[in-house]
C-alpha atoms as a PDB file:
ATOM      1  CA  UNK A   1      -8.937 -13.102  -4.035  1.00  0.00           C
ATOM      2  CA  UNK A   2      -6.761 -10.179  -3.771  1.00  0.00           C
ATOM      3  CA  UNK A   3      -4.067  -9.264  -6.248  1.00  0.00           C
ATOM      4  CA  UNK A   4      -0.420  -9.906  -5.481  1.00  0.00           C
ATOM      5  CA  UNK A   5       1.117  -7.150  -3.341  1.00  0.00           C
ATOM      6  CA  UNK A   6       4.733  -6.553  -3.957  1.00  0.00           C
ATOM      7  CA  UNK A   7       6.607  -5.215  -1.057  1.00  0.00           C
ATOM      8  CA  UNK A   8      10.172  -4.799   0.243  1.00  0.00           C
ATOM      9  CA  UNK A   9      11.402  -6.926   3.016  1.00  0.00           C
ATOM     10  CA  UNK A  10      11.130  -3.850   5.471  1.00  0.00           C
ATOM     11  CA  UNK A  11       7.524  -3.320   4.567  1.00  0.00           C
ATOM     12  CA  UNK A  12       6.759  -6.966   4.986  1.00  0.00           C
ATOM     13  CA  UNK A  13       8.350  -6.996   8.493  1.00  0.00           C
ATOM     14  CA  UNK A  14       6.265  -3.822   9.380  1.00  0.00           C
ATOM     15  CA  UNK A  15       3.073  -5.453   8.275  1.00  0.00           C
ATOM     16  CA  UNK A  16       3.803  -8.639  10.317  1.00  0.00           C
ATOM     17  CA  UNK A  17       4.627  -6.421  13.375  1.00  0.00           C
ATOM     18  CA  UNK A  18       1.484  -4.437  13.062  1.00  0.00           C
ATOM     19  CA  UNK A  19      -0.556  -7.698  12.792  1.00  0.00           C
ATOM     20  CA  UNK A  20       1.227  -9.158  15.843  1.00  0.00           C
ATOM     21  CA  UNK A  21       0.525  -5.998  17.820  1.00  0.00           C
ATOM     22  CA  UNK A  22      -3.228  -6.079  16.837  1.00  0.00           C
ATOM     23  CA  UNK A  23      -3.440  -9.740  18.026  1.00  0.00           C
ATOM     24  CA  UNK A  24      -1.515  -9.505  21.221  1.00  0.00           C
ATOM     25  CA  UNK A  25      -2.426  -6.044  22.374  1.00  0.00           C
ATOM     26  CA  UNK A  26      -5.500  -4.537  20.595  1.00  0.00           C
ATOM     27  CA  UNK A  27      -7.594  -7.744  20.647  1.00  0.00           C
ATOM     28  CA  UNK A  28      -7.283  -8.336  24.435  1.00  0.00           C
ATOM     29  CA  UNK A  29      -7.828  -4.657  25.182  1.00  0.00           C
ATOM     30  CA  UNK A  30     -11.171  -4.811  23.055  1.00  0.00           C
ATOM     31  CA  UNK A  31     -12.229  -7.852  25.052  1.00  0.00           C
ATOM     32  CA  UNK A  32     -11.592  -6.156  28.379  1.00  0.00           C
ATOM     33  CA  UNK A  33     -13.599  -3.039  27.265  1.00  0.00           C
ATOM     34  CA  UNK A  34     -16.619  -5.462  26.254  1.00  0.00           C
ATOM     35  CA  UNK A  35     -16.366  -7.156  29.690  1.00  0.00           C
ATOM     36  CA  UNK A  36     -16.218  -3.908  31.639  1.00  0.00           C
ATOM     37  CA  UNK A  37     -19.228  -2.497  29.633  1.00  0.00           C
ATOM     38  CA  UNK A  38     -21.073  -5.722  30.274  1.00  0.00           C
ATOM     39  CA  UNK A  39     -20.790  -5.352  33.983  1.00  0.00           C
ATOM     40  CA  UNK A  40     -22.447  -2.019  33.810  1.00  0.00           C
ATOM     41  CA  UNK A  41     -26.031  -3.477  33.546  1.00  0.00           C
ATOM     42  CA  UNK A  42     -28.721  -4.008  30.856  1.00  0.00           C
ATOM     43  CA  UNK A  43     -27.135  -4.564  27.458  1.00  0.00           C
ATOM     44  CA  UNK A  44     -30.273  -3.185  25.586  1.00  0.00           C
ATOM     45  CA  UNK A  45     -29.651   0.247  26.745  1.00  0.00           C
ATOM     46  CA  UNK A  46     -25.838   0.177  27.240  1.00  0.00           C
ATOM     47  CA  UNK A  47     -24.219   2.496  24.633  1.00  0.00           C
ATOM     48  CA  UNK A  48     -20.792   1.740  26.028  1.00  0.00           C
ATOM     49  CA  UNK A  49     -21.342  -1.932  25.344  1.00  0.00           C
ATOM     50  CA  UNK A  50     -22.549  -1.258  21.648  1.00  0.00           C
ATOM     51  CA  UNK A  51     -19.439   0.966  21.102  1.00  0.00           C
ATOM     52  CA  UNK A  52     -17.083  -1.699  22.471  1.00  0.00           C
ATOM     53  CA  UNK A  53     -18.622  -4.385  20.314  1.00  0.00           C
ATOM     54  CA  UNK A  54     -18.407  -2.139  17.211  1.00  0.00           C
ATOM     55  CA  UNK A  55     -14.669  -1.245  18.007  1.00  0.00           C
ATOM     56  CA  UNK A  56     -14.040  -4.986  18.300  1.00  0.00           C
ATOM     57  CA  UNK A  57     -15.701  -5.687  14.971  1.00  0.00           C
ATOM     58  CA  UNK A  58     -13.690  -3.039  13.224  1.00  0.00           C
ATOM     59  CA  UNK A  59     -10.471  -4.458  14.831  1.00  0.00           C
ATOM     60  CA  UNK A  60     -11.321  -7.910  13.598  1.00  0.00           C
ATOM     61  CA  UNK A  61     -11.883  -6.470  10.032  1.00  0.00           C
ATOM     62  CA  UNK A  62      -8.577  -4.847  10.177  1.00  0.00           C
ATOM     63  CA  UNK A  63      -6.900  -7.952  11.260  1.00  0.00           C
ATOM     64  CA  UNK A  64      -8.456  -9.912   8.530  1.00  0.00           C
ATOM     65  CA  UNK A  65      -7.475  -7.430   5.955  1.00  0.00           C
ATOM     66  CA  UNK A  66      -3.864  -7.324   7.109  1.00  0.00           C
ATOM     67  CA  UNK A  67      -3.656 -11.031   7.169  1.00  0.00           C
ATOM     68  CA  UNK A  68      -4.962 -11.142   3.603  1.00  0.00           C
ATOM     69  CA  UNK A  69      -2.327  -8.482   2.477  1.00  0.00           C
ATOM     70  CA  UNK A  70       0.443 -10.445   4.195  1.00  0.00           C
ATOM     71  CA  UNK A  71      -0.815 -13.666   2.529  1.00  0.00           C
ATOM     72  CA  UNK A  72      -0.749 -12.042  -0.934  1.00  0.00           C
ATOM     73  CA  UNK A  73       2.532 -10.352  -0.428  1.00  0.00           C
ATOM     74  CA  UNK A  74       5.599 -11.095  -2.509  1.00  0.00           C
ATOM     75  CA  UNK A  75       8.865  -9.750  -1.329  1.00  0.00           C
ATOM     76  CA  UNK A  76      10.937  -8.034  -4.016  1.00  0.00           C
ATOM     77  CA  UNK A  77      14.762  -8.187  -3.549  1.00  0.00           C
ATOM     78  CA  UNK A  78      16.360  -4.971  -4.897  1.00  0.00           C
ATOM     79  CA  UNK A  79      19.351  -6.850  -5.782  1.00  0.00           C
ATOM     80  CA  UNK A  80      17.645  -8.972  -8.430  1.00  0.00           C
ATOM     81  CA  UNK A  81      15.771  -5.979 -10.268  1.00  0.00           C
ATOM     82  CA  UNK A  82      16.191  -5.851 -14.049  1.00  0.00           C
ATOM     83  CA  UNK A  83      16.914  -2.215 -14.835  1.00  0.00           C
ATOM     84  CA  UNK A  84      16.605  -2.564 -18.509  1.00  0.00           C
ATOM     85  CA  UNK A  85      12.854  -1.698 -18.190  1.00  0.00           C
ATOM     86  CA  UNK A  86      10.459  -0.153 -15.552  1.00  0.00           C
ATOM     87  CA  UNK A  87       9.214  -2.565 -12.943  1.00  0.00           C
ATOM     88  CA  UNK A  88       8.446  -2.806  -9.286  1.00  0.00           C
ATOM     89  CA  UNK A  89      11.037  -1.040  -7.078  1.00  0.00           C
ATOM     90  CA  UNK A  90      12.906   0.658 -10.082  1.00  0.00           C
ATOM     91  CA  UNK A  91      13.625   4.303  -9.811  1.00  0.00           C
ATOM     92  CA  UNK A  92      12.553   6.028 -13.049  1.00  0.00           C
ATOM     93  CA  UNK A  93      13.370   9.540 -14.148  1.00  0.00           C
ATOM     94  CA  UNK A  94      10.613  10.841 -16.437  1.00  0.00           C
ATOM     95  CA  UNK A  95       9.976  14.059 -18.334  1.00  0.00           C
ATOM     96  CA  UNK A  96       6.591  15.370 -18.954  1.00  0.00           C
ATOM     97  CA  UNK A  97       6.604  16.298 -22.559  1.00  0.00           C
ATOM     98  CA  UNK A  98       3.951  19.017 -22.255  1.00  0.00           C
ATOM     99  CA  UNK A  99       5.570  20.925 -19.381  1.00  0.00           C
ATOM    100  CA  UNK A 100       9.218  19.603 -19.941  1.00  0.00           C
ATOM    101  CA  UNK A 101       9.335  18.980 -16.099  1.00  0.00           C
ATOM    102  CA  UNK A 102      11.462  16.201 -14.957  1.00  0.00           C
ATOM    103  CA  UNK A 103      10.650  14.066 -11.940  1.00  0.00           C
ATOM    104  CA  UNK A 104      12.010  10.850 -10.440  1.00  0.00           C
ATOM    105  CA  UNK A 105       9.742   8.157  -8.965  1.00  0.00           C
ATOM    106  CA  UNK A 106      10.190   4.883  -7.411  1.00  0.00           C
ATOM    107  CA  UNK A 107       7.578   2.256  -8.511  1.00  0.00           C
ATOM    108  CA  UNK A 108       6.303   0.435  -5.483  1.00  0.00           C
ATOM    109  CA  UNK A 109       3.420  -1.778  -4.397  1.00  0.00           C
ATOM    110  CA  UNK A 110       0.156  -0.220  -3.109  1.00  0.00           C
ATOM    111  CA  UNK A 111       1.049  -0.493   0.556  1.00  0.00           C
ATOM    112  CA  UNK A 112       4.248   1.496   0.252  1.00  0.00           C
ATOM    113  CA  UNK A 113       2.998   4.235  -2.203  1.00  0.00           C
ATOM    114  CA  UNK A 114       3.736   7.841  -0.789  1.00  0.00           C
ATOM    115  CA  UNK A 115       3.851  10.574  -3.384  1.00  0.00           C
ATOM    116  CA  UNK A 116       5.723  13.005  -1.102  1.00  0.00           C
ATOM    117  CA  UNK A 117       8.520  10.517  -0.872  1.00  0.00           C
ATOM    118  CA  UNK A 118       8.501   9.973  -4.561  1.00  0.00           C
ATOM    119  CA  UNK A 119       7.005   6.534  -4.416  1.00  0.00           C
ATOM    120  CA  UNK A 120       4.163   5.808  -6.720  1.00  0.00           C
ATOM    121  CA  UNK A 121       2.066   2.665  -6.860  1.00  0.00           C
ATOM    122  CA  UNK A 122       2.477   0.280  -9.800  1.00  0.00           C
ATOM    123  CA  UNK A 123      -1.407   0.111  -9.927  1.00  0.00           C
ATOM    124  CA  UNK A 124      -1.710   3.946 -10.132  1.00  0.00           C
ATOM    125  CA  UNK A 125      -2.435   5.382 -13.675  1.00  0.00           C
ATOM    126  CA  UNK A 126       1.152   6.708 -14.111  1.00  0.00           C
ATOM    127  CA  UNK A 127       2.644   3.555 -12.594  1.00  0.00           C
ATOM    128  CA  UNK A 128       0.617   1.307 -14.950  1.00  0.00           C
ATOM    129  CA  UNK A 129       1.771   3.532 -17.891  1.00  0.00           C
ATOM    130  CA  UNK A 130       5.442   3.202 -16.949  1.00  0.00           C
ATOM    131  CA  UNK A 131       5.615  -0.433 -16.239  1.00  0.00           C
ATOM    132  CA  UNK A 132       7.449  -2.347 -18.889  1.00  0.00           C
ATOM    133  CA  UNK A 133       8.809   0.730 -20.722  1.00  0.00           C
ATOM    134  CA  UNK A 134      12.512   1.100 -21.531  1.00  0.00           C
ATOM    135  CA  UNK A 135      14.779   4.284 -21.743  1.00  0.00           C
ATOM    136  CA  UNK A 136      13.789   6.502 -24.525  1.00  0.00           C
ATOM    137  CA  UNK A 137      10.140   5.146 -24.609  1.00  0.00           C
ATOM    138  CA  UNK A 138       7.276   7.579 -24.385  1.00  0.00           C
ATOM    139  CA  UNK A 139       4.460   6.545 -21.945  1.00  0.00           C
ATOM    140  CA  UNK A 140       0.976   7.689 -22.515  1.00  0.00           C
ATOM    141  CA  UNK A 141      -1.039   8.018 -19.366  1.00  0.00           C
ATOM    142  CA  UNK A 142      -4.835   8.644 -19.316  1.00  0.00           C
ATOM    143  CA  UNK A 143      -5.596  11.405 -16.690  1.00  0.00           C
ATOM    144  CA  UNK A 144      -8.786  13.351 -15.983  1.00  0.00           C
ATOM    145  CA  UNK A 145      -7.350  16.327 -17.942  1.00  0.00           C
ATOM    146  CA  UNK A 146      -6.519  14.147 -21.057  1.00  0.00           C
ATOM    147  CA  UNK A 147      -3.548  12.053 -22.101  1.00  0.00           C
ATOM    148  CA  UNK A 148      -0.135  12.892 -20.492  1.00  0.00           C
ATOM    149  CA  UNK A 149       2.984  11.874 -22.167  1.00  0.00           C
ATOM    150  CA  UNK A 150       6.176  11.094 -20.315  1.00  0.00           C
ATOM    151  CA  UNK A 151       9.643  10.214 -21.758  1.00  0.00           C
ATOM    152  CA  UNK A 152      11.648   7.715 -19.847  1.00  0.00           C
ATOM    153  CA  UNK A 153      15.166   9.374 -19.235  1.00  0.00           C
ATOM    154  CA  UNK A 154      16.674   6.874 -16.709  1.00  0.00           C
ATOM    155  CA  UNK A 155      15.917   3.627 -14.971  1.00  0.00           C
ATOM    156  CA  UNK A 156      17.825   2.517 -11.869  1.00  0.00           C
ATOM    157  CA  UNK A 157      17.495   1.070  -8.352  1.00  0.00           C
END
């Protein structure tokens, strides 16, 4: 079984729309491609048929994966978030104690992680190290270069 996947309402709706598109558009297109390739003759030596079947298999695997992700998703409401400690969907301002550099991240589920947008996964090493901490705490995070220490400056939504 997959772990619980925490997402916002917006991300949940995007996942559902993507699944619907795969079922309603991509799946029939894959079936048509197989049917067209089948009409071209001997299936033993038909590379187009093999490619169409492989593409259909990959599509079905993606559909199953997305169905599983949706089934294990829990929608988190931003209005009910406790900002006394770092948790999913909180914005946290941290200072790297070694470099004195301050950054701000939003802790999100794996499906929403995007470092360029300042969103880190709660399952990432930094995310795991920050979860449950309060303002003023120092989080120690194991990194390939050694242990990084971050001081929690602010927690918000």
